[in-house]
Every structure is written in C-alpha cells, then in structure tokens.
Amino acid sequence: MRPIFAVGLVFAGCCSNVIFLELLARKHPGCGNIVTFAQFLFIAVEGFLFEADLGRKQPVIPIRYYVVMVTMFFTVSVVNNYALNLNIAMPLHMIFRSGSLIANMVLGIIILKKRYSIFKYTSIALVSVGIFICTFMSAKQVTSQSSLSEDDGFQAFAWWLLGIGALTFALLMSARMGIFQETLYKQFGKHSKEALFYNHALPLPGFIFLASDIYDHAVLFNKSELYQVPVVGVTMPIMWFYLLVNVITQYVCIRGVFILTTECTSLTVTLVVTLRKFVSLIFSILYFQNPFTLWHWLGTLFVFMGTLMYTEVWNNLGLPKSQSQKADKKN
C-alpha cells in the first residue's frame, strides 16, 4: 500500500509543482531565486523540527561532508531555476534535465572507472540524439520568434545559448553530486532524511548574496492581483499563492520520492520519475500551449525511450523485488 501511496505523492506533488513553477515563471521569468529560497526554507524548518529534533540530534554523516554536498546542491538548484530567465522554455527545461543519465554515465566512466554494456551505450545515444533534436529546434524557434531586428534576434539567441550552458553545467554538477552521495552512503549508510535536512538547511546563509533579487521579486509579488483562496476564504496576492502551493507540492514530491526509495527498487523509482516527467511535459504543452513541433515530439520520444532502455524495464518489470534488486546490482 505504501508504494502506491508514494507513487500518488510523486505524481500529484511533482506534476503540480511544475505547473505552479511555470505559472510563476511566465509572470516573472527571473523569480527563480525567491522560489529556490522558499523551497529550501520550508524543507529546512520541517527537518529542524522533525528530523534534527530542534538541533539535539547529531548527524550520522560528518558535517564537513555535507558542506561539500550542499555547495553542489545549492549551485544546481539556483542555476536550474535561473535558467528559466534565459529564454529557456519549460518543456525544453524538463527534457534537458532528463539527460541526467548521460552526465551520470560520463562521470561514472571518468571518476568511478565504470564500464557499461553496449545496450546501455545505445540507450544513452538515443537520449543524446533526442536532447539534441529538441535543443536544435528550440534554437530555431528562439531566432524566428524574436523581434524582426537582427540585433534583437542575436541577443535573444545569445541569452538562450547561455541558458543551455547553465543547464549543461547544472546537469554535470548534479551527476557529480550523485557520485559523491553514492560514496558517502557506502561509507556511512543511507540517511536520506538527514541528508534532505542538511542539504536544505546549510545553504540558507548563501541566499544573503541573492537577497537583493529576492527582495525585488517579493515586492513584485506583493503588487500582483489579489486572489481569494478557495475553502479558507483568505485573500492574498496571487503570486504568493502560486509560490505557497509550489513550495508545498515540492515537499510532497520529495517525500514521495523518499518513500519510493525505501519501499521500491531503484528501477521502479527511475520508471515512476520518468513517467512523471512525461506527464508534466504533456500537461505543459497542452495547458500552457508551449510551442512543440513534430521534431520536438520525436526528440522527446528518443529521450524517454532511451531512459526506459537504460533501466532495462522490460526485462525487470515482472521480477519480484529481491530478484529485481539483484538485476540492479548487476548493472
């Protein structure tokens, strides 16, 4: 029953989170810092109360290791959210972040000296081609949809290139963080709740450097139209409502993934998260009417097919948990 509940949390929480993030980004594309800060603050306060026991509980993993992990995690979160301010459409943002398998494989080969089967290399090639198609077609849209002025078109394309660079950097940094976590968990054991708390609490002082931008967007949020929240009947600026729901759904999403990792195999977790991304992508295209050509659909198909091939889902879906875990270890 808990796995079904967890899957429900992942789909409800993560999909809703993407919707409200896009609502925020469409109105104020540069609001990434205030969104990241609110998410970090909420999860840090919850962890301080229930995981750290008001600071009385000592961490199992030494703080110095968390400092390294947190530096990477903070950087990835800020860069990913800020990319939305650099002419990156939400569908491309989601597709590009689905390329984490590529970064994980490349860094796994370089750092951990891992070797993979031809089947896995083929799946990664599919993901790479899919991302390239979507990125290339999005580049054409950026130049064609910009102003008729050649200078404006070049400027828009330059910002878009910077956004692609930011997403690439975040992808590689995230993969490096995953490898670092893997080595920590092997040494100290898995402590996901503890890691969740420290990953969100320790970076909070870093937002001092972003305080001016956060304050500016808080002022803009205050000036947004008023909205009466259903059921409770409270009236508040609609941008603050979007942010509040985004933060809550982010927490629900993370909790759902956490329950999945403790109840299911890594294969199942990857499959659920991949399907969730696909549902979010479809909703973003249909509801927000984001431009999406036949080439984008082809690229998306390559990305998700490659991801499912990498997990060898067809070979393992019918296995019970114990056998599936053995299959995971072989890979």
Protein backbone atom coordinates (compact mmCIF):
# COMPACT_ATOMS: atom_id res chain seq x y z
CA MET A 1 0.00 0.00 0.00
CA ARG A 2 2.83 2.42 0.82
CA PRO A 3 4.39 2.15 -2.68
CA ILE A 4 1.01 3.02 -4.27
CA PHE A 5 0.67 5.94 -1.86
CA ALA A 6 4.22 7.07 -2.73
CA VAL A 7 3.50 6.92 -6.48
CA GLY A 8 0.42 9.05 -5.87
CA LEU A 9 2.50 11.60 -3.94
CA VAL A 10 5.12 11.74 -6.72
CA PHE A 11 2.59 12.31 -9.50
CA ALA A 12 0.37 14.72 -7.53
CA GLY A 13 3.24 16.62 -5.90
CA CYS A 14 5.78 16.78 -8.73
CA CYS A 15 3.31 17.46 -11.55
CA SER A 16 1.55 20.19 -9.54
CA ASN A 17 4.93 21.66 -8.62
CA VAL A 18 5.90 22.03 -12.29
CA ILE A 19 2.55 23.66 -13.09
CA PHE A 20 2.89 26.34 -10.40
CA LEU A 21 6.56 26.88 -11.25
CA GLU A 22 5.55 27.64 -14.83
CA LEU A 23 2.78 29.96 -13.61
CA LEU A 24 5.40 31.85 -11.59
CA ALA A 25 8.00 31.88 -14.38
CA ARG A 26 5.54 33.08 -17.02
CA LYS A 27 4.64 36.15 -14.97
CA HIS A 28 8.15 36.85 -13.62
CA PRO A 29 10.83 34.83 -15.51
CA GLY A 30 13.56 35.94 -13.07
CA CYS A 31 11.81 34.66 -9.93
CA GLY A 32 13.98 31.54 -9.65
CA ASN A 33 15.91 32.78 -6.59
CA ILE A 34 12.86 33.54 -4.46
CA VAL A 35 11.32 30.19 -5.43
CA THR A 36 14.51 28.31 -4.50
CA PHE A 37 14.83 30.20 -1.21
CA ALA A 38 11.21 29.47 -0.22
CA GLN A 39 11.59 25.77 -1.01
CA PHE A 40 14.85 25.49 0.93
CA LEU A 41 13.46 27.40 3.94
CA PHE A 42 10.29 25.30 4.17
CA ILE A 43 12.11 21.95 3.99
CA ALA A 44 14.84 23.16 6.38
CA VAL A 45 12.30 24.24 9.02
CA GLU A 46 10.39 20.95 8.71
CA GLY A 47 13.64 18.98 9.00
CA PHE A 48 14.81 21.02 12.00
CA LEU A 49 11.58 20.22 13.84
CA PHE A 50 11.13 16.56 12.99
CA GLU A 51 14.50 15.18 11.82
CA ALA A 52 17.12 17.19 13.77
CA ASP A 53 14.87 17.29 16.87
CA LEU A 54 15.40 21.05 17.30
CA GLY A 55 19.16 20.61 16.86
CA ARG A 56 19.53 17.99 19.58
CA LYS A 57 20.15 15.08 17.21
CA GLN A 58 23.73 14.72 15.97
CA PRO A 59 24.20 13.86 12.26
CA VAL A 60 25.48 10.39 11.39
CA ILE A 61 27.43 11.72 8.41
CA PRO A 62 30.01 14.37 9.47
CA ILE A 63 29.08 17.97 8.70
CA ARG A 64 32.22 18.54 6.61
CA TYR A 65 30.92 16.07 4.01
CA TYR A 66 27.54 17.80 3.97
CA VAL A 67 29.26 21.13 3.32
CA VAL A 68 30.73 19.72 0.09
CA MET A 69 27.42 18.15 -0.93
CA VAL A 70 25.47 21.27 -0.06
CA THR A 71 27.74 23.50 -2.16
CA MET A 72 26.95 21.37 -5.19
CA PHE A 73 23.24 21.03 -4.37
CA PHE A 74 22.78 24.77 -3.80
CA THR A 75 24.57 25.59 -7.05
CA VAL A 76 22.48 23.11 -9.07
CA SER A 77 19.18 24.38 -7.62
CA VAL A 78 19.95 28.06 -8.21
CA VAL A 79 21.32 27.52 -11.73
CA ASN A 80 18.40 25.31 -12.80
CA ASN A 81 15.80 27.84 -11.64
CA TYR A 82 17.73 30.80 -13.05
CA ALA A 83 17.90 29.13 -16.49
CA LEU A 84 14.18 29.92 -16.89
CA ASN A 85 15.21 33.58 -17.07
CA LEU A 86 17.47 32.89 -20.07
CA ASN A 87 14.94 32.23 -22.85
CA ILE A 88 14.57 28.57 -21.86
CA ALA A 89 11.01 27.28 -22.31
CA MET A 90 9.64 24.94 -19.65
CA PRO A 91 9.32 21.90 -21.99
CA LEU A 92 12.97 22.21 -23.07
CA HIS A 93 13.91 22.71 -19.41
CA MET A 94 12.24 19.39 -18.49
CA ILE A 95 13.65 17.49 -21.49
CA PHE A 96 17.18 18.77 -20.91
CA ARG A 97 17.10 17.78 -17.23
CA SER A 98 16.00 14.29 -18.32
CA GLY A 99 19.50 13.94 -19.77
CA SER A 100 20.93 13.22 -16.30
CA LEU A 101 21.66 9.65 -17.42
CA ILE A 102 24.22 10.99 -19.92
CA ALA A 103 26.03 13.03 -17.28
CA ASN A 104 25.91 10.14 -14.78
CA MET A 105 27.39 7.73 -17.30
CA VAL A 106 30.16 10.11 -18.46
CA LEU A 107 31.26 10.99 -14.92
CA GLY A 108 30.86 7.37 -13.82
CA ILE A 109 33.32 6.31 -16.52
CA ILE A 110 35.77 9.13 -15.74
CA ILE A 111 35.63 9.13 -11.92
CA LEU A 112 34.47 5.65 -10.87
CA LYS A 113 36.06 3.83 -13.85
CA LYS A 114 32.76 2.10 -14.58
CA ARG A 115 32.08 0.13 -17.73
CA TYR A 116 28.68 -0.40 -19.31
CA SER A 117 27.07 -2.79 -21.79
CA ILE A 118 26.53 -1.92 -25.46
CA PHE A 119 22.79 -1.83 -24.71
CA LYS A 120 23.29 0.97 -22.19
CA TYR A 121 25.57 2.91 -24.52
CA THR A 122 22.84 2.65 -27.19
CA SER A 123 20.20 3.93 -24.78
CA ILE A 124 22.39 6.91 -23.85
CA ALA A 125 22.95 7.63 -27.55
CA LEU A 126 19.15 7.75 -28.00
CA VAL A 127 18.80 10.20 -25.10
CA SER A 128 21.62 12.35 -26.53
CA VAL A 129 20.06 12.46 -30.01
CA GLY A 130 16.65 13.29 -28.51
CA ILE A 131 18.02 16.20 -26.48
CA PHE A 132 20.00 17.46 -29.49
CA ILE A 133 16.86 17.45 -31.68
CA CYS A 134 14.78 19.33 -29.09
CA THR A 135 17.59 21.80 -28.40
CA PHE A 136 18.23 22.46 -32.11
CA MET A 137 14.53 23.01 -32.86
CA SER A 138 14.18 25.30 -29.84
CA ALA A 139 17.15 27.32 -31.09
CA LYS A 140 15.37 27.87 -34.41
CA GLN A 141 12.23 28.99 -32.57
CA VAL A 142 14.17 31.49 -30.44
CA THR A 143 15.60 33.21 -33.51
CA SER A 144 12.36 33.11 -35.52
CA GLN A 145 10.09 34.34 -32.68
CA SER A 146 12.29 37.24 -31.63
CA SER A 147 11.95 40.80 -32.95
CA LEU A 148 12.46 41.50 -36.63
CA SER A 149 15.57 43.43 -35.67
CA GLU A 150 18.71 41.39 -36.38
CA ASP A 151 20.39 42.71 -33.23
CA ASP A 152 17.43 41.71 -31.06
CA GLY A 153 17.38 38.27 -32.65
CA PHE A 154 21.08 37.76 -31.97
CA GLN A 155 20.69 38.96 -28.37
CA ALA A 156 17.78 36.58 -27.75
CA PHE A 157 19.78 33.70 -29.21
CA ALA A 158 22.84 34.63 -27.11
CA TRP A 159 20.77 34.55 -23.91
CA TRP A 160 19.30 31.20 -24.98
CA LEU A 161 22.82 29.80 -25.52
CA LEU A 162 23.75 31.00 -22.04
CA GLY A 163 20.67 29.19 -20.70
CA ILE A 164 21.72 25.96 -22.44
CA GLY A 165 25.20 26.38 -20.94
CA ALA A 166 23.65 26.86 -17.49
CA LEU A 167 21.52 23.71 -17.84
CA THR A 168 24.55 21.71 -19.05
CA PHE A 169 26.63 22.90 -16.09
CA ALA A 170 23.81 22.03 -13.65
CA LEU A 171 23.43 18.60 -15.25
CA LEU A 172 27.11 17.75 -14.81
CA MET A 173 27.23 19.21 -11.29
CA SER A 174 24.15 17.19 -10.31
CA ALA A 175 25.75 13.99 -11.63
CA ARG A 176 28.93 14.75 -9.67
CA MET A 177 26.85 15.26 -6.55
CA GLY A 178 25.17 11.90 -7.13
CA ILE A 179 28.54 10.16 -7.28
CA PHE A 180 29.64 11.94 -4.10
CA GLN A 181 26.42 10.83 -2.35
CA GLU A 182 26.97 7.28 -3.53
CA THR A 183 30.43 7.15 -1.96
CA LEU A 184 29.11 8.70 1.29
CA TYR A 185 26.26 6.22 1.60
CA LYS A 186 28.65 3.32 1.06
CA GLN A 187 30.83 4.60 3.90
CA PHE A 188 28.19 5.75 6.42
CA GLY A 189 24.97 4.05 5.27
CA LYS A 190 21.84 5.64 3.81
CA HIS A 191 20.36 8.50 5.84
CA SER A 192 18.05 10.16 3.32
CA LYS A 193 16.01 12.24 5.79
CA GLU A 194 19.16 13.58 7.40
CA ALA A 195 20.67 14.40 4.02
CA LEU A 196 17.44 16.10 2.93
CA PHE A 197 17.53 18.37 6.00
CA TYR A 198 21.20 19.37 5.80
CA ASN A 199 21.09 19.82 2.02
CA HIS A 200 18.39 22.46 2.52
CA ALA A 201 19.42 24.00 5.87
CA LEU A 202 23.15 24.58 5.36
CA PRO A 203 22.79 26.60 2.09
CA LEU A 204 20.39 29.15 3.66
CA PRO A 205 23.17 31.67 4.53
CA GLY A 206 24.18 31.62 0.85
CA PHE A 207 20.93 33.35 -0.06
CA ILE A 208 22.33 36.52 1.56
CA PHE A 209 24.17 37.10 -1.73
CA LEU A 210 20.83 36.86 -3.55
CA ALA A 211 18.91 38.96 -1.01
CA SER A 212 18.50 41.97 -3.30
CA ASP A 213 16.96 39.90 -6.10
CA ILE A 214 14.73 38.01 -3.63
CA TYR A 215 13.51 41.30 -2.11
CA ASP A 216 12.80 42.83 -5.54
CA HIS A 217 10.64 39.87 -6.51
CA ALA A 218 8.90 39.88 -3.12
CA VAL A 219 7.87 43.48 -3.88
CA LEU A 220 6.65 42.42 -7.33
CA PHE A 221 4.70 39.54 -5.78
CA ASN A 222 3.03 42.00 -3.37
CA LYS A 223 1.85 44.07 -6.33
CA SER A 224 0.20 41.14 -8.11
CA GLU A 225 -3.59 40.88 -8.32
CA LEU A 226 -5.46 39.67 -5.24
CA TYR A 227 -6.80 36.12 -5.15
CA GLN A 228 -9.25 34.55 -2.73
CA VAL A 229 -8.03 31.11 -1.71
CA PRO A 230 -10.83 28.53 -2.02
CA VAL A 231 -12.18 26.82 1.12
CA VAL A 232 -10.26 29.00 3.61
CA GLY A 233 -11.52 32.26 2.06
CA VAL A 234 -8.25 34.15 2.69
CA THR A 235 -7.35 36.87 0.18
CA MET A 236 -3.71 37.23 -0.85
CA PRO A 237 -1.62 38.33 -3.88
CA ILE A 238 -1.89 35.59 -6.46
CA MET A 239 1.89 35.28 -6.94
CA TRP A 240 2.32 34.49 -3.23
CA PHE A 241 -0.42 31.87 -3.58
CA TYR A 242 1.41 30.29 -6.53
CA LEU A 243 4.66 30.29 -4.52
CA LEU A 244 2.99 28.78 -1.45
CA VAL A 245 1.47 25.93 -3.47
CA ASN A 246 4.78 25.43 -5.33
CA VAL A 247 6.65 25.06 -2.02
CA ILE A 248 4.10 22.64 -0.54
CA THR A 249 3.97 20.49 -3.68
CA GLN A 250 7.79 20.46 -3.82
CA TYR A 251 7.80 18.98 -0.31
CA VAL A 252 5.12 16.43 -1.24
CA CYS A 253 7.16 15.47 -4.33
CA ILE A 254 10.38 14.99 -2.34
CA ARG A 255 8.60 12.98 0.37
CA GLY A 256 7.03 10.75 -2.28
CA VAL A 257 10.39 10.03 -3.90
CA PHE A 258 11.88 9.34 -0.44
CA ILE A 259 9.17 6.76 0.37
CA LEU A 260 9.68 5.17 -3.05
CA THR A 261 13.44 4.78 -2.49
CA THR A 262 12.82 2.98 0.81
CA GLU A 263 9.97 0.77 -0.46
CA CYS A 264 10.91 0.00 -4.07
CA THR A 265 13.91 -0.84 -6.20
CA SER A 266 15.93 1.85 -7.97
CA LEU A 267 14.45 0.57 -11.26
CA THR A 268 10.91 1.31 -10.06
CA VAL A 269 11.92 4.75 -8.79
CA THR A 270 13.52 5.62 -12.15
CA LEU A 271 10.46 4.38 -14.04
CA VAL A 272 7.99 6.36 -11.90
CA VAL A 273 10.07 9.56 -12.08
CA THR A 274 10.45 9.19 -15.87
CA LEU A 275 6.72 8.71 -16.38
CA ARG A 276 6.04 11.67 -14.09
CA LYS A 277 8.29 13.88 -16.22
CA PHE A 278 6.46 12.75 -19.34
CA VAL A 279 3.05 13.60 -17.82
CA SER A 280 4.37 17.02 -16.72
CA LEU A 281 5.71 17.66 -20.21
CA ILE A 282 2.40 16.77 -21.89
CA PHE A 283 0.47 18.99 -19.47
CA SER A 284 2.86 21.91 -20.00
CA ILE A 285 2.46 21.65 -23.78
CA LEU A 286 -1.33 21.30 -23.78
CA TYR A 287 -2.36 23.61 -20.92
CA PHE A 288 0.20 26.40 -21.42
CA GLN A 289 0.23 25.93 -25.21
CA ASN A 290 4.01 25.93 -25.36
CA PRO A 291 5.34 25.65 -28.94
CA PHE A 292 6.06 21.99 -29.68
CA THR A 293 6.68 20.72 -33.20
CA LEU A 294 6.72 17.21 -34.63
CA TRP A 295 10.53 17.29 -34.27
CA HIS A 296 10.15 18.08 -30.56
CA TRP A 297 7.85 15.06 -30.18
CA LEU A 298 10.42 12.88 -31.96
CA GLY A 299 13.20 14.14 -29.69
CA THR A 300 11.02 13.57 -26.62
CA LEU A 301 10.28 10.01 -27.76
CA PHE A 302 14.02 9.34 -28.11
CA VAL A 303 14.72 10.73 -24.62
CA PHE A 304 12.09 8.67 -22.84
CA MET A 305 12.70 5.50 -24.87
CA GLY A 306 16.41 5.80 -24.13
CA THR A 307 15.70 6.26 -20.41
CA LEU A 308 13.46 3.18 -20.29
CA MET A 309 16.03 1.17 -22.25
CA TYR A 310 18.74 2.20 -19.78
CA THR A 311 16.71 0.86 -16.84
CA GLU A 312 16.02 -2.37 -18.81
CA VAL A 313 12.45 -2.05 -17.61
CA TRP A 314 11.10 -4.70 -19.98
CA ASN A 315 13.48 -7.33 -18.62
CA ASN A 316 12.90 -6.49 -14.95
CA LEU A 317 9.30 -5.34 -14.56
CA GLY A 318 8.00 -8.84 -13.96
CA LEU A 319 10.58 -9.71 -11.32
CA PRO A 320 9.83 -9.69 -7.58
CA LYS A 321 11.67 -7.09 -5.51
CA SER A 322 14.52 -9.36 -4.39
CA GLN A 323 15.31 -10.52 -7.93
CA SER A 324 14.93 -7.01 -9.30
CA GLN A 325 17.43 -5.71 -6.75
CA LYS A 326 19.92 -8.34 -7.92
CA ALA A 327 19.36 -7.20 -11.51
CA ASP A 328 20.00 -3.60 -10.42
CA LYS A 329 23.29 -4.58 -8.81
CA LYS A 330 24.48 -6.34 -11.96
CA ASN A 331 24.02 -3.12 -13.89
